[in-house]
């Protein structure tokens, strides 16, 4: 048994050298508005962003990037810091709150006033970057109002940007910027 001790130590050392890179966790961040949409006109009923609908290929903990027309990369090391749909909802709520008059946007879970609330419904068709750093946000969104809520505005938006790199560390901030652009468009419509 004593003769196998050096061989066992060598095997353990080599096993330690083969460890995988550490997992990186990412989150989307709010992009503050350059200015607020002026208040004092239009509907003063507050807004609330509903839960975001995602396609199945993006509804996961791993960061997904596009490798080609029919190939995706589901990363082993790059993970979202929380549910992707909830992150989009939180950031969109924050972005809209910085663009619309103060108090106009309610966070998810906030109490709804007796007068009711208008809601933003978001159906994400694609929200992904590729190996060249090209990032796409394609979304259908609608503004619902009344009781029962009915769509009063329905829009389809396709926004793109260049992240400058195909690395996830560059793609995620570009995704945040696209949510800021989407918030600009929504705020200009729903004010």
C-alpha atoms as a PDB file:
ATOM      1  CA  UNK A   1       0.000   0.000   0.000  1.00  0.00           C
ATOM      2  CA  UNK A   2       2.838   2.381   0.695  1.00  0.00           C
ATOM      3  CA  UNK A   3       4.098   2.067  -2.882  1.00  0.00           C
ATOM      4  CA  UNK A   4       0.765   3.339  -4.338  1.00  0.00           C
ATOM      5  CA  UNK A   5       0.732   6.487  -2.214  1.00  0.00           C
ATOM      6  CA  UNK A   6       2.761   8.634  -4.701  1.00  0.00           C
ATOM      7  CA  UNK A   7       0.600   7.454  -7.614  1.00  0.00           C
ATOM      8  CA  UNK A   8      -2.577   8.318  -5.702  1.00  0.00           C
ATOM      9  CA  UNK A   9      -1.225  11.782  -4.885  1.00  0.00           C
ATOM     10  CA  UNK A  10      -0.334  12.346  -8.550  1.00  0.00           C
ATOM     11  CA  UNK A  11      -3.867  11.351  -9.664  1.00  0.00           C
ATOM     12  CA  UNK A  12      -5.428  13.752  -7.130  1.00  0.00           C
ATOM     13  CA  UNK A  13      -3.183  16.606  -8.244  1.00  0.00           C
ATOM     14  CA  UNK A  14      -3.989  16.027 -11.918  1.00  0.00           C
ATOM     15  CA  UNK A  15      -7.723  15.868 -11.145  1.00  0.00           C
ATOM     16  CA  UNK A  16      -7.458  19.278  -9.478  1.00  0.00           C
ATOM     17  CA  UNK A  17      -5.838  20.758 -12.589  1.00  0.00           C
ATOM     18  CA  UNK A  18      -8.787  19.726 -14.746  1.00  0.00           C
ATOM     19  CA  UNK A  19     -11.392  21.861 -12.963  1.00  0.00           C
ATOM     20  CA  UNK A  20     -13.740  23.971 -15.051  1.00  0.00           C
ATOM     21  CA  UNK A  21     -13.700  27.779 -15.101  1.00  0.00           C
ATOM     22  CA  UNK A  22     -15.775  29.484 -12.404  1.00  0.00           C
ATOM     23  CA  UNK A  23     -19.424  30.259 -13.069  1.00  0.00           C
ATOM     24  CA  UNK A  24     -20.146  33.918 -13.876  1.00  0.00           C
ATOM     25  CA  UNK A  25     -23.499  35.429 -12.875  1.00  0.00           C
ATOM     26  CA  UNK A  26     -25.056  38.300 -14.845  1.00  0.00           C
ATOM     27  CA  UNK A  27     -27.922  40.695 -14.343  1.00  0.00           C
ATOM     28  CA  UNK A  28     -29.606  43.269 -16.532  1.00  0.00           C
ATOM     29  CA  UNK A  29     -29.410  46.851 -15.302  1.00  0.00           C
ATOM     30  CA  UNK A  30     -31.596  49.899 -15.615  1.00  0.00           C
ATOM     31  CA  UNK A  31     -30.585  52.619 -18.067  1.00  0.00           C
ATOM     32  CA  UNK A  32     -31.658  55.994 -16.643  1.00  0.00           C
ATOM     33  CA  UNK A  33     -33.524  58.372 -18.917  1.00  0.00           C
ATOM     34  CA  UNK A  34     -31.905  61.535 -20.204  1.00  0.00           C
ATOM     35  CA  UNK A  35     -35.156  63.348 -19.321  1.00  0.00           C
ATOM     36  CA  UNK A  36     -38.673  62.540 -18.156  1.00  0.00           C
ATOM     37  CA  UNK A  37     -41.696  62.717 -20.403  1.00  0.00           C
ATOM     38  CA  UNK A  38     -43.539  65.855 -19.217  1.00  0.00           C
ATOM     39  CA  UNK A  39     -46.665  65.262 -17.128  1.00  0.00           C
ATOM     40  CA  UNK A  40     -49.909  67.178 -16.970  1.00  0.00           C
ATOM     41  CA  UNK A  41     -51.608  65.660 -20.012  1.00  0.00           C
ATOM     42  CA  UNK A  42     -52.937  62.307 -21.134  1.00  0.00           C
ATOM     43  CA  UNK A  43     -53.994  59.522 -18.797  1.00  0.00           C
ATOM     44  CA  UNK A  44     -52.856  59.890 -15.194  1.00  0.00           C
ATOM     45  CA  UNK A  45     -53.757  56.336 -14.219  1.00  0.00           C
ATOM     46  CA  UNK A  46     -50.575  54.535 -13.083  1.00  0.00           C
ATOM     47  CA  UNK A  47     -48.847  51.803 -15.082  1.00  0.00           C
ATOM     48  CA  UNK A  48     -47.633  48.389 -14.026  1.00  0.00           C
ATOM     49  CA  UNK A  49     -45.533  45.969 -16.107  1.00  0.00           C
ATOM     50  CA  UNK A  50     -47.038  42.483 -16.125  1.00  0.00           C
ATOM     51  CA  UNK A  51     -45.024  39.279 -16.060  1.00  0.00           C
ATOM     52  CA  UNK A  52     -42.958  38.972 -19.242  1.00  0.00           C
ATOM     53  CA  UNK A  53     -43.552  36.100 -21.679  1.00  0.00           C
ATOM     54  CA  UNK A  54     -40.384  34.479 -23.055  1.00  0.00           C
ATOM     55  CA  UNK A  55     -39.854  31.852 -25.746  1.00  0.00           C
ATOM     56  CA  UNK A  56     -38.871  28.468 -24.326  1.00  0.00           C
ATOM     57  CA  UNK A  57     -35.317  28.603 -25.672  1.00  0.00           C
ATOM     58  CA  UNK A  58     -34.598  31.712 -23.549  1.00  0.00           C
ATOM     59  CA  UNK A  59     -36.514  30.711 -20.429  1.00  0.00           C
ATOM     60  CA  UNK A  60     -33.582  29.234 -18.528  1.00  0.00           C
ATOM     61  CA  UNK A  61     -30.881  30.090 -15.976  1.00  0.00           C
ATOM     62  CA  UNK A  62     -28.048  29.882 -18.510  1.00  0.00           C
ATOM     63  CA  UNK A  63     -27.209  32.772 -20.811  1.00  0.00           C
ATOM     64  CA  UNK A  64     -28.101  31.811 -24.386  1.00  0.00           C
ATOM     65  CA  UNK A  65     -26.309  33.190 -27.443  1.00  0.00           C
ATOM     66  CA  UNK A  66     -26.879  32.498 -31.121  1.00  0.00           C
ATOM     67  CA  UNK A  67     -24.178  30.577 -33.025  1.00  0.00           C
ATOM     68  CA  UNK A  68     -25.990  30.521 -36.365  1.00  0.00           C
ATOM     69  CA  UNK A  69     -29.429  30.486 -37.914  1.00  0.00           C
ATOM     70  CA  UNK A  70     -30.245  27.108 -36.345  1.00  0.00           C
ATOM     71  CA  UNK A  71     -27.741  26.815 -33.475  1.00  0.00           C
ATOM     72  CA  UNK A  72     -27.744  28.185 -29.955  1.00  0.00           C
ATOM     73  CA  UNK A  73     -25.073  28.141 -27.285  1.00  0.00           C
ATOM     74  CA  UNK A  74     -26.437  27.466 -23.799  1.00  0.00           C
ATOM     75  CA  UNK A  75     -23.495  28.430 -21.618  1.00  0.00           C
ATOM     76  CA  UNK A  76     -22.147  26.152 -18.904  1.00  0.00           C
ATOM     77  CA  UNK A  77     -20.371  29.013 -17.127  1.00  0.00           C
ATOM     78  CA  UNK A  78     -22.524  32.111 -17.809  1.00  0.00           C
ATOM     79  CA  UNK A  79     -25.722  32.244 -15.760  1.00  0.00           C
ATOM     80  CA  UNK A  80     -28.431  34.773 -15.041  1.00  0.00           C
ATOM     81  CA  UNK A  81     -28.503  35.952 -11.419  1.00  0.00           C
ATOM     82  CA  UNK A  82     -32.250  35.261 -11.264  1.00  0.00           C
ATOM     83  CA  UNK A  83     -35.178  34.345 -13.500  1.00  0.00           C
ATOM     84  CA  UNK A  84     -34.666  36.077 -16.860  1.00  0.00           C
ATOM     85  CA  UNK A  85     -38.329  37.072 -17.255  1.00  0.00           C
ATOM     86  CA  UNK A  86     -38.422  38.677 -13.798  1.00  0.00           C
ATOM     87  CA  UNK A  87     -35.182  40.535 -14.523  1.00  0.00           C
ATOM     88  CA  UNK A  88     -36.651  41.997 -17.731  1.00  0.00           C
ATOM     89  CA  UNK A  89     -39.841  42.985 -15.856  1.00  0.00           C
ATOM     90  CA  UNK A  90     -37.851  44.659 -13.046  1.00  0.00           C
ATOM     91  CA  UNK A  91     -35.540  46.583 -15.407  1.00  0.00           C
ATOM     92  CA  UNK A  92     -38.377  47.685 -17.710  1.00  0.00           C
ATOM     93  CA  UNK A  93     -40.330  48.908 -14.665  1.00  0.00           C
ATOM     94  CA  UNK A  94     -37.304  50.868 -13.425  1.00  0.00           C
ATOM     95  CA  UNK A  95     -36.582  52.292 -16.893  1.00  0.00           C
ATOM     96  CA  UNK A  96     -40.197  53.413 -17.354  1.00  0.00           C
ATOM     97  CA  UNK A  97     -40.197  54.898 -13.849  1.00  0.00           C
ATOM     98  CA  UNK A  98     -37.253  57.119 -14.779  1.00  0.00           C
ATOM     99  CA  UNK A  99     -38.926  58.249 -18.005  1.00  0.00           C
ATOM    100  CA  UNK A 100     -42.515  58.906 -16.929  1.00  0.00           C
ATOM    101  CA  UNK A 101     -43.746  61.401 -14.310  1.00  0.00           C
ATOM    102  CA  UNK A 102     -42.867  60.473 -10.745  1.00  0.00           C
ATOM    103  CA  UNK A 103     -45.299  57.986  -9.201  1.00  0.00           C
ATOM    104  CA  UNK A 104     -46.725  56.952 -12.582  1.00  0.00           C
ATOM    105  CA  UNK A 105     -45.127  53.465 -12.625  1.00  0.00           C
ATOM    106  CA  UNK A 106     -45.903  50.856  -9.978  1.00  0.00           C
ATOM    107  CA  UNK A 107     -43.476  48.056  -9.213  1.00  0.00           C
ATOM    108  CA  UNK A 108     -44.694  44.454  -9.452  1.00  0.00           C
ATOM    109  CA  UNK A 109     -46.545  43.642  -6.239  1.00  0.00           C
ATOM    110  CA  UNK A 110     -47.305  47.293  -5.361  1.00  0.00           C
ATOM    111  CA  UNK A 111     -50.880  47.894  -4.197  1.00  0.00           C
ATOM    112  CA  UNK A 112     -53.214  48.991  -6.981  1.00  0.00           C
ATOM    113  CA  UNK A 113     -55.157  52.205  -6.300  1.00  0.00           C
ATOM    114  CA  UNK A 114     -58.989  52.048  -6.294  1.00  0.00           C
ATOM    115  CA  UNK A 115     -59.042  53.873  -9.647  1.00  0.00           C
ATOM    116  CA  UNK A 116     -57.231  50.884 -11.180  1.00  0.00           C
ATOM    117  CA  UNK A 117     -54.045  50.568 -13.148  1.00  0.00           C
ATOM    118  CA  UNK A 118     -53.039  50.353 -16.782  1.00  0.00           C
ATOM    119  CA  UNK A 119     -50.778  47.408 -17.549  1.00  0.00           C
ATOM    120  CA  UNK A 120     -47.979  46.805 -20.012  1.00  0.00           C
ATOM    121  CA  UNK A 121     -47.967  43.271 -21.409  1.00  0.00           C
ATOM    122  CA  UNK A 122     -44.713  42.131 -23.007  1.00  0.00           C
ATOM    123  CA  UNK A 123     -44.255  39.098 -25.256  1.00  0.00           C
ATOM    124  CA  UNK A 124     -40.572  38.673 -26.090  1.00  0.00           C
ATOM    125  CA  UNK A 125     -40.031  36.917 -29.425  1.00  0.00           C
ATOM    126  CA  UNK A 126     -36.228  37.064 -29.249  1.00  0.00           C
ATOM    127  CA  UNK A 127     -33.711  38.730 -26.960  1.00  0.00           C
ATOM    128  CA  UNK A 128     -30.297  37.363 -27.818  1.00  0.00           C
ATOM    129  CA  UNK A 129     -26.774  38.227 -28.902  1.00  0.00           C
ATOM    130  CA  UNK A 130     -24.549  36.359 -31.328  1.00  0.00           C
ATOM    131  CA  UNK A 131     -20.854  35.563 -31.716  1.00  0.00           C
ATOM    132  CA  UNK A 132     -20.226  38.863 -33.564  1.00  0.00           C
ATOM    133  CA  UNK A 133     -21.837  40.972 -30.804  1.00  0.00           C
ATOM    134  CA  UNK A 134     -25.040  41.710 -32.724  1.00  0.00           C
ATOM    135  CA  UNK A 135     -27.893  41.872 -30.164  1.00  0.00           C
ATOM    136  CA  UNK A 136     -31.602  41.752 -31.059  1.00  0.00           C
ATOM    137  CA  UNK A 137     -34.698  42.508 -28.994  1.00  0.00           C
ATOM    138  CA  UNK A 138     -37.897  41.633 -30.838  1.00  0.00           C
ATOM    139  CA  UNK A 139     -41.025  42.134 -28.779  1.00  0.00           C
ATOM    140  CA  UNK A 140     -44.773  42.583 -28.995  1.00  0.00           C
ATOM    141  CA  UNK A 141     -46.094  44.908 -26.310  1.00  0.00           C
ATOM    142  CA  UNK A 142     -49.520  46.192 -25.485  1.00  0.00           C
ATOM    143  CA  UNK A 143     -51.086  48.687 -23.111  1.00  0.00           C
ATOM    144  CA  UNK A 144     -54.219  47.349 -21.411  1.00  0.00           C
ATOM    145  CA  UNK A 145     -56.767  49.549 -19.652  1.00  0.00           C
ATOM    146  CA  UNK A 146     -60.278  49.345 -18.291  1.00  0.00           C
ATOM    147  CA  UNK A 147     -62.258  46.697 -16.459  1.00  0.00           C
ATOM    148  CA  UNK A 148     -61.970  44.095 -17.807  1.00  0.00           C
ATOM    149  CA  UNK A 149     -58.571  45.119 -19.222  1.00  0.00           C
ATOM    150  CA  UNK A 150     -58.570  45.454 -23.010  1.00  0.00           C
ATOM    151  CA  UNK A 151     -55.669  46.420 -25.298  1.00  0.00           C
ATOM    152  CA  UNK A 152     -55.721  50.115 -26.184  1.00  0.00           C
ATOM    153  CA  UNK A 153     -52.251  50.120 -27.787  1.00  0.00           C
ATOM    154  CA  UNK A 154     -50.576  47.183 -29.558  1.00  0.00           C
ATOM    155  CA  UNK A 155     -47.056  47.486 -30.962  1.00  0.00           C
ATOM    156  CA  UNK A 156     -44.320  45.312 -32.439  1.00  0.00           C
ATOM    157  CA  UNK A 157     -40.744  46.519 -31.942  1.00  0.00           C
ATOM    158  CA  UNK A 158     -37.449  45.183 -33.263  1.00  0.00           C
ATOM    159  CA  UNK A 159     -34.404  46.854 -31.746  1.00  0.00           C
ATOM    160  CA  UNK A 160     -30.776  45.997 -32.468  1.00  0.00           C
ATOM    161  CA  UNK A 161     -27.363  47.113 -31.280  1.00  0.00           C
ATOM    162  CA  UNK A 162     -23.729  46.136 -31.576  1.00  0.00           C
ATOM    163  CA  UNK A 163     -22.162  44.995 -28.306  1.00  0.00           C
ATOM    164  CA  UNK A 164     -18.646  45.345 -29.735  1.00  0.00           C
ATOM    165  CA  UNK A 165     -17.850  41.724 -28.887  1.00  0.00           C
ATOM    166  CA  UNK A 166     -19.525  38.328 -28.834  1.00  0.00           C
ATOM    167  CA  UNK A 167     -18.510  37.803 -25.203  1.00  0.00           C
ATOM    168  CA  UNK A 168     -21.357  37.544 -22.714  1.00  0.00           C
ATOM    169  CA  UNK A 169     -19.736  40.315 -20.641  1.00  0.00           C
ATOM    170  CA  UNK A 170     -20.337  42.682 -23.600  1.00  0.00           C
ATOM    171  CA  UNK A 171     -23.709  41.291 -24.709  1.00  0.00           C
ATOM    172  CA  UNK A 172     -25.476  41.714 -21.331  1.00  0.00           C
ATOM    173  CA  UNK A 173     -24.898  45.516 -21.063  1.00  0.00           C
ATOM    174  CA  UNK A 174     -26.056  45.834 -24.695  1.00  0.00           C
ATOM    175  CA  UNK A 175     -29.242  43.996 -23.738  1.00  0.00           C
ATOM    176  CA  UNK A 176     -29.784  46.507 -20.917  1.00  0.00           C
ATOM    177  CA  UNK A 177     -29.382  49.371 -23.402  1.00  0.00           C
ATOM    178  CA  UNK A 178     -32.011  47.808 -25.678  1.00  0.00           C
ATOM    179  CA  UNK A 179     -34.460  47.628 -22.770  1.00  0.00           C
ATOM    180  CA  UNK A 180     -33.775  51.343 -22.217  1.00  0.00           C
ATOM    181  CA  UNK A 181     -34.593  52.045 -25.869  1.00  0.00           C
ATOM    182  CA  UNK A 182     -37.785  49.997 -25.594  1.00  0.00           C
ATOM    183  CA  UNK A 183     -38.707  52.015 -22.499  1.00  0.00           C
ATOM    184  CA  UNK A 184     -38.207  55.244 -24.465  1.00  0.00           C
ATOM    185  CA  UNK A 185     -40.665  54.030 -27.099  1.00  0.00           C
ATOM    186  CA  UNK A 186     -43.221  52.797 -24.587  1.00  0.00           C
ATOM    187  CA  UNK A 187     -42.993  56.002 -22.517  1.00  0.00           C
ATOM    188  CA  UNK A 188     -43.499  58.138 -25.622  1.00  0.00           C
ATOM    189  CA  UNK A 189     -46.660  56.207 -26.444  1.00  0.00           C
ATOM    190  CA  UNK A 190     -48.378  55.692 -23.078  1.00  0.00           C
ATOM    191  CA  UNK A 191     -47.722  59.039 -21.393  1.00  0.00           C
END
